[in-house]
Amino acid sequence: MKTMRTSVGAVRTLAAVAFLVVIIPIAALFVFPWTFITRNAALLYKCGTTLAYLAVRIAGIRTKLVGLDKIDPKGTYIFMSNHVSNVDPPVLVPFIPRRTSVIAKKEIWRIPILAQALDLAEIVPVDRKDRDSAIDSVRRAGEVMRHGINMTIYPEGTRSPDGRLLPFKKGPFHLAAETGFPIVPITILGTENMMPKGSSIIHGGTATLVFHSPLDPKQFASREDLMQAVADAIASALPEDKR
């Protein structure tokens, strides 16, 4: 049974990769020139999230949404979720209301054309090994949010190897305190079994995204209290053995 599941997963993974390998160059021929000419990343973002959604569907992943009605779709938020799998971003981001930015490793800016597209999309670069770069990324993220763009962050800073919440980094909470934008905690369930850390095969299944009520940074006495409230919210929807 396990062998069959692995085989099916391998076929679905190859199908998803083949889809992206074929469609991305075709889409880029139209979307990149339009983005560079108009200096507007809306079409680029829509294309990217649509391809991500279709790829995970081809890989056999379905998504269940819980609590999305708690959020004003016109609001600007810092979305923070747990992180247990490489499929978390393509599963989550297409369901974020409106457009979102993320903080990404600066290494991907080494590709010239892609770097221009990332800048136009207002993706925020960071060198996690450089403290000054990390501080600057928080400042830049604040500027992006003041343009009305959401920010999606994994406060653990890396994937959890066993699904349990790791200690949070302080940077995202500095961002919340300095900008005043509310935080929406999100619990991602099920993806740790779809593509565990270290695996290259995607297994199908249902990923559940639990959107918790927004938290106003101004309502907390300290950043530590805010950090704890976000951790408690995310943990509240996790299985008992993962809290």
Protein backbone atom coordinates (compact mmCIF):
# COMPACT_ATOMS: atom_id res chain seq x y z
CA MET A 1 0.00 0.00 0.00
CA LYS A 2 2.81 2.37 0.91
CA THR A 3 4.64 1.50 -2.32
CA MET A 4 1.52 2.21 -4.36
CA ARG A 5 1.01 5.56 -2.60
CA THR A 6 4.62 6.49 -3.33
CA SER A 7 4.24 5.53 -6.98
CA VAL A 8 1.05 7.55 -7.37
CA GLY A 9 2.71 10.47 -5.62
CA ALA A 10 5.73 10.27 -7.92
CA VAL A 11 3.50 10.29 -11.03
CA ARG A 12 1.49 13.26 -9.75
CA THR A 13 4.66 15.14 -8.81
CA LEU A 14 6.13 14.58 -12.28
CA ALA A 15 2.85 15.72 -13.85
CA ALA A 16 2.85 18.92 -11.78
CA VAL A 17 6.51 19.63 -12.61
CA ALA A 18 5.91 18.93 -16.32
CA PHE A 19 2.93 21.31 -16.29
CA LEU A 20 5.05 24.10 -14.81
CA VAL A 21 8.02 23.42 -17.10
CA VAL A 22 5.76 23.75 -20.14
CA ILE A 23 3.48 26.57 -19.05
CA ILE A 24 5.87 28.94 -17.25
CA PRO A 25 7.98 29.83 -20.34
CA ILE A 26 4.80 30.34 -22.39
CA ALA A 27 3.24 32.55 -19.72
CA ALA A 28 6.51 34.46 -19.25
CA LEU A 29 6.56 35.42 -22.95
CA PHE A 30 3.39 37.43 -22.41
CA VAL A 31 3.34 38.32 -18.71
CA PHE A 32 6.92 39.55 -18.26
CA PRO A 33 6.85 42.08 -21.15
CA TRP A 34 3.47 43.35 -20.00
CA THR A 35 4.74 43.75 -16.45
CA PHE A 36 7.91 45.56 -17.51
CA ILE A 37 6.05 47.87 -19.90
CA THR A 38 3.22 48.79 -17.52
CA ARG A 39 5.36 48.64 -14.34
CA ASN A 40 2.36 46.93 -12.78
CA ALA A 41 2.71 43.48 -11.21
CA ALA A 42 -1.01 42.68 -10.88
CA LEU A 43 -1.08 40.35 -13.91
CA LEU A 44 2.23 38.73 -12.88
CA TYR A 45 0.84 38.04 -9.40
CA LYS A 46 -2.44 36.65 -10.73
CA CYS A 47 -0.60 34.40 -13.16
CA GLY A 48 1.79 33.16 -10.47
CA THR A 49 -0.92 32.31 -7.96
CA THR A 50 -3.07 30.65 -10.61
CA LEU A 51 -0.20 28.43 -11.74
CA ALA A 52 0.60 27.54 -8.12
CA TYR A 53 -3.04 26.60 -7.49
CA LEU A 54 -3.23 24.47 -10.64
CA ALA A 55 0.10 22.75 -9.92
CA VAL A 56 -0.94 21.60 -6.45
CA ARG A 57 -4.28 20.43 -7.84
CA ILE A 58 -2.48 18.36 -10.47
CA ALA A 59 -0.31 16.96 -7.66
CA GLY A 60 -3.50 15.72 -6.01
CA ILE A 61 -3.86 18.31 -3.25
CA ARG A 62 -7.27 19.72 -2.38
CA THR A 63 -7.79 22.60 0.02
CA LYS A 64 -10.36 23.14 2.76
CA LEU A 65 -10.81 26.68 4.11
CA VAL A 66 -11.97 27.44 7.65
CA GLY A 67 -12.59 30.90 9.13
CA LEU A 68 -11.81 33.01 6.05
CA ASP A 69 -15.04 34.92 6.70
CA LYS A 70 -13.40 36.43 9.82
CA ILE A 71 -11.25 38.63 7.60
CA ASP A 72 -12.19 41.84 5.80
CA PRO A 73 -11.20 41.04 2.19
CA LYS A 74 -10.34 44.72 1.65
CA GLY A 75 -8.10 44.94 4.72
CA THR A 76 -4.30 44.81 4.85
CA TYR A 77 -2.87 42.15 7.14
CA ILE A 78 0.25 40.31 8.18
CA PHE A 79 -0.59 36.64 7.68
CA MET A 80 1.46 34.31 9.89
CA SER A 81 1.26 30.53 9.71
CA ASN A 82 3.06 27.42 10.85
CA HIS A 83 5.41 25.86 8.28
CA VAL A 84 5.78 22.10 7.88
CA SER A 85 6.23 21.44 4.16
CA ASN A 86 7.54 22.81 0.87
CA VAL A 87 3.98 22.79 -0.45
CA ASP A 88 2.81 25.27 2.21
CA PRO A 89 3.42 28.41 0.07
CA PRO A 90 1.65 27.23 -3.12
CA VAL A 91 -1.20 25.84 -1.02
CA LEU A 92 -1.67 28.98 1.08
CA VAL A 93 -0.83 32.03 -1.05
CA PRO A 94 -3.56 31.60 -3.72
CA PHE A 95 -6.19 31.87 -0.96
CA ILE A 96 -4.84 35.05 0.65
CA PRO A 97 -7.41 37.79 -0.05
CA ARG A 98 -6.01 40.27 -2.56
CA ARG A 99 -2.30 40.49 -3.21
CA THR A 100 0.40 39.47 -0.76
CA SER A 101 4.15 39.90 -0.63
CA VAL A 102 6.61 37.59 1.08
CA ILE A 103 10.14 37.83 2.45
CA ALA A 104 12.44 35.71 0.27
CA LYS A 105 16.09 34.68 0.25
CA LYS A 106 18.17 37.29 -1.59
CA GLU A 107 19.92 34.57 -3.63
CA ILE A 108 17.04 34.41 -6.11
CA TRP A 109 17.76 38.03 -7.10
CA ARG A 110 20.90 36.76 -8.87
CA ILE A 111 18.82 36.05 -11.99
CA PRO A 112 18.55 39.49 -13.70
CA ILE A 113 15.12 39.29 -15.37
CA LEU A 114 13.60 37.48 -12.40
CA ALA A 115 15.13 40.06 -10.06
CA GLN A 116 13.34 42.86 -11.93
CA ALA A 117 10.05 40.98 -11.74
CA LEU A 118 10.49 40.36 -8.00
CA ASP A 119 11.16 44.06 -7.43
CA LEU A 120 8.08 45.05 -9.41
CA ALA A 121 6.05 42.52 -7.40
CA GLU A 122 7.46 44.13 -4.22
CA ILE A 123 8.85 40.87 -2.88
CA VAL A 124 11.20 41.63 0.01
CA PRO A 125 14.77 40.21 -0.09
CA VAL A 126 16.62 39.16 3.05
CA ASP A 127 19.97 37.67 3.97
CA ARG A 128 19.15 35.66 7.07
CA LYS A 129 22.83 35.46 8.02
CA ASP A 130 23.17 39.26 8.09
CA ARG A 131 21.46 41.01 11.01
CA ASP A 132 21.47 44.41 9.25
CA SER A 133 19.83 42.84 6.20
CA ALA A 134 17.17 41.27 8.41
CA ILE A 135 16.44 44.66 9.99
CA ASP A 136 16.30 46.31 6.58
CA SER A 137 13.87 43.65 5.34
CA VAL A 138 11.47 44.53 8.15
CA ARG A 139 11.67 48.21 7.15
CA ARG A 140 11.11 47.33 3.49
CA ALA A 141 8.17 45.06 4.36
CA GLY A 142 6.57 47.98 6.19
CA GLU A 143 6.90 50.15 3.08
CA VAL A 144 5.29 47.45 0.94
CA MET A 145 2.35 47.11 3.33
CA ARG A 146 1.76 50.86 3.27
CA HIS A 147 1.08 50.41 -0.44
CA GLY A 148 -1.90 48.25 0.53
CA ILE A 149 -0.20 44.89 -0.03
CA ASN A 150 -0.52 42.09 2.52
CA MET A 151 2.54 40.31 3.92
CA THR A 152 2.68 36.53 4.42
CA ILE A 153 5.34 35.29 6.85
CA TYR A 154 6.35 32.03 8.49
CA PRO A 155 7.38 33.27 11.95
CA GLU A 156 9.25 30.04 12.74
CA GLY A 157 11.73 30.99 10.01
CA THR A 158 12.07 27.42 8.74
CA ARG A 159 10.08 24.23 8.31
CA SER A 160 9.27 22.15 11.35
CA PRO A 161 10.63 18.60 10.95
CA ASP A 162 7.81 16.99 12.94
CA GLY A 163 4.84 19.36 12.70
CA ARG A 164 5.38 20.89 16.14
CA LEU A 165 5.63 24.67 16.40
CA LEU A 166 9.21 25.94 16.56
CA PRO A 167 10.19 29.11 18.49
CA PHE A 168 9.19 32.26 16.62
CA LYS A 169 11.60 34.84 15.21
CA LYS A 170 11.15 38.38 16.52
CA GLY A 171 11.36 40.20 13.17
CA PRO A 172 7.74 39.68 12.07
CA PHE A 173 6.51 41.07 15.39
CA HIS A 174 8.71 44.14 15.06
CA LEU A 175 6.98 44.64 11.71
CA ALA A 176 3.54 44.40 13.32
CA ALA A 177 4.48 46.75 16.17
CA GLU A 178 6.02 49.36 13.87
CA THR A 179 3.28 49.37 11.22
CA GLY A 180 0.22 48.67 13.37
CA PHE A 181 -1.24 46.28 10.80
CA PRO A 182 -3.20 43.40 12.37
CA ILE A 183 -1.88 39.85 12.33
CA VAL A 184 -4.00 36.98 11.04
CA PRO A 185 -2.72 33.68 12.51
CA ILE A 186 -3.20 30.70 10.18
CA THR A 187 -2.90 27.01 11.00
CA ILE A 188 -1.93 24.76 8.09
CA LEU A 189 -2.95 21.14 8.61
CA GLY A 190 -2.14 18.03 6.60
CA THR A 191 0.72 19.24 4.42
CA GLU A 192 3.43 17.62 6.58
CA ASN A 193 2.23 14.27 5.21
CA MET A 194 2.08 15.51 1.62
CA MET A 195 5.70 16.56 1.28
CA PRO A 196 7.72 16.00 4.47
CA LYS A 197 10.99 17.83 4.98
CA GLY A 198 13.63 16.08 2.87
CA SER A 199 11.14 14.49 0.46
CA SER A 200 10.91 15.31 -3.26
CA ILE A 201 7.59 13.52 -3.81
CA ILE A 202 4.20 15.15 -3.28
CA HIS A 203 1.43 12.93 -1.90
CA GLY A 204 -2.14 13.97 -2.54
CA GLY A 205 -4.67 14.72 0.15
CA THR A 206 -6.62 17.56 1.72
CA ALA A 207 -4.82 20.53 3.21
CA THR A 208 -6.82 22.55 5.72
CA LEU A 209 -6.20 26.27 6.18
CA VAL A 210 -7.63 27.61 9.44
CA PHE A 211 -7.81 31.42 9.49
CA HIS A 212 -8.03 32.77 13.04
CA SER A 213 -9.41 36.16 14.11
CA PRO A 214 -7.11 39.13 13.44
CA LEU A 215 -4.97 40.34 16.36
CA ASP A 216 -4.40 44.08 16.79
CA PRO A 217 -0.77 44.75 17.88
CA LYS A 218 -1.89 47.87 19.75
CA GLN A 219 -3.96 45.71 22.11
CA PHE A 220 -0.89 43.98 23.57
CA ALA A 221 1.40 45.32 26.26
CA SER A 222 4.54 43.92 24.65
CA ARG A 223 5.79 42.19 21.53
CA GLU A 224 6.34 39.08 23.59
CA ASP A 225 2.66 39.05 24.56
CA LEU A 226 1.69 39.47 20.90
CA MET A 227 4.06 36.67 19.89
CA GLN A 228 2.53 34.37 22.48
CA ALA A 229 -1.00 35.21 21.35
CA VAL A 230 -0.14 34.32 17.74
CA ALA A 231 1.51 31.07 18.83
CA ASP A 232 -1.50 30.17 20.97
CA ALA A 233 -3.91 30.86 18.10
CA ILE A 234 -1.96 28.73 15.61
CA ALA A 235 -1.50 25.94 18.17
CA SER A 236 -5.20 25.92 19.06
CA ALA A 237 -6.06 24.18 15.76
CA LEU A 238 -3.15 21.73 15.83
CA PRO A 239 -3.61 18.14 17.01
CA GLU A 240 -2.83 17.67 20.70
CA ASP A 241 0.46 15.90 19.98
CA LYS A 242 1.72 18.80 17.82
CA ARG A 243 1.11 21.68 20.22
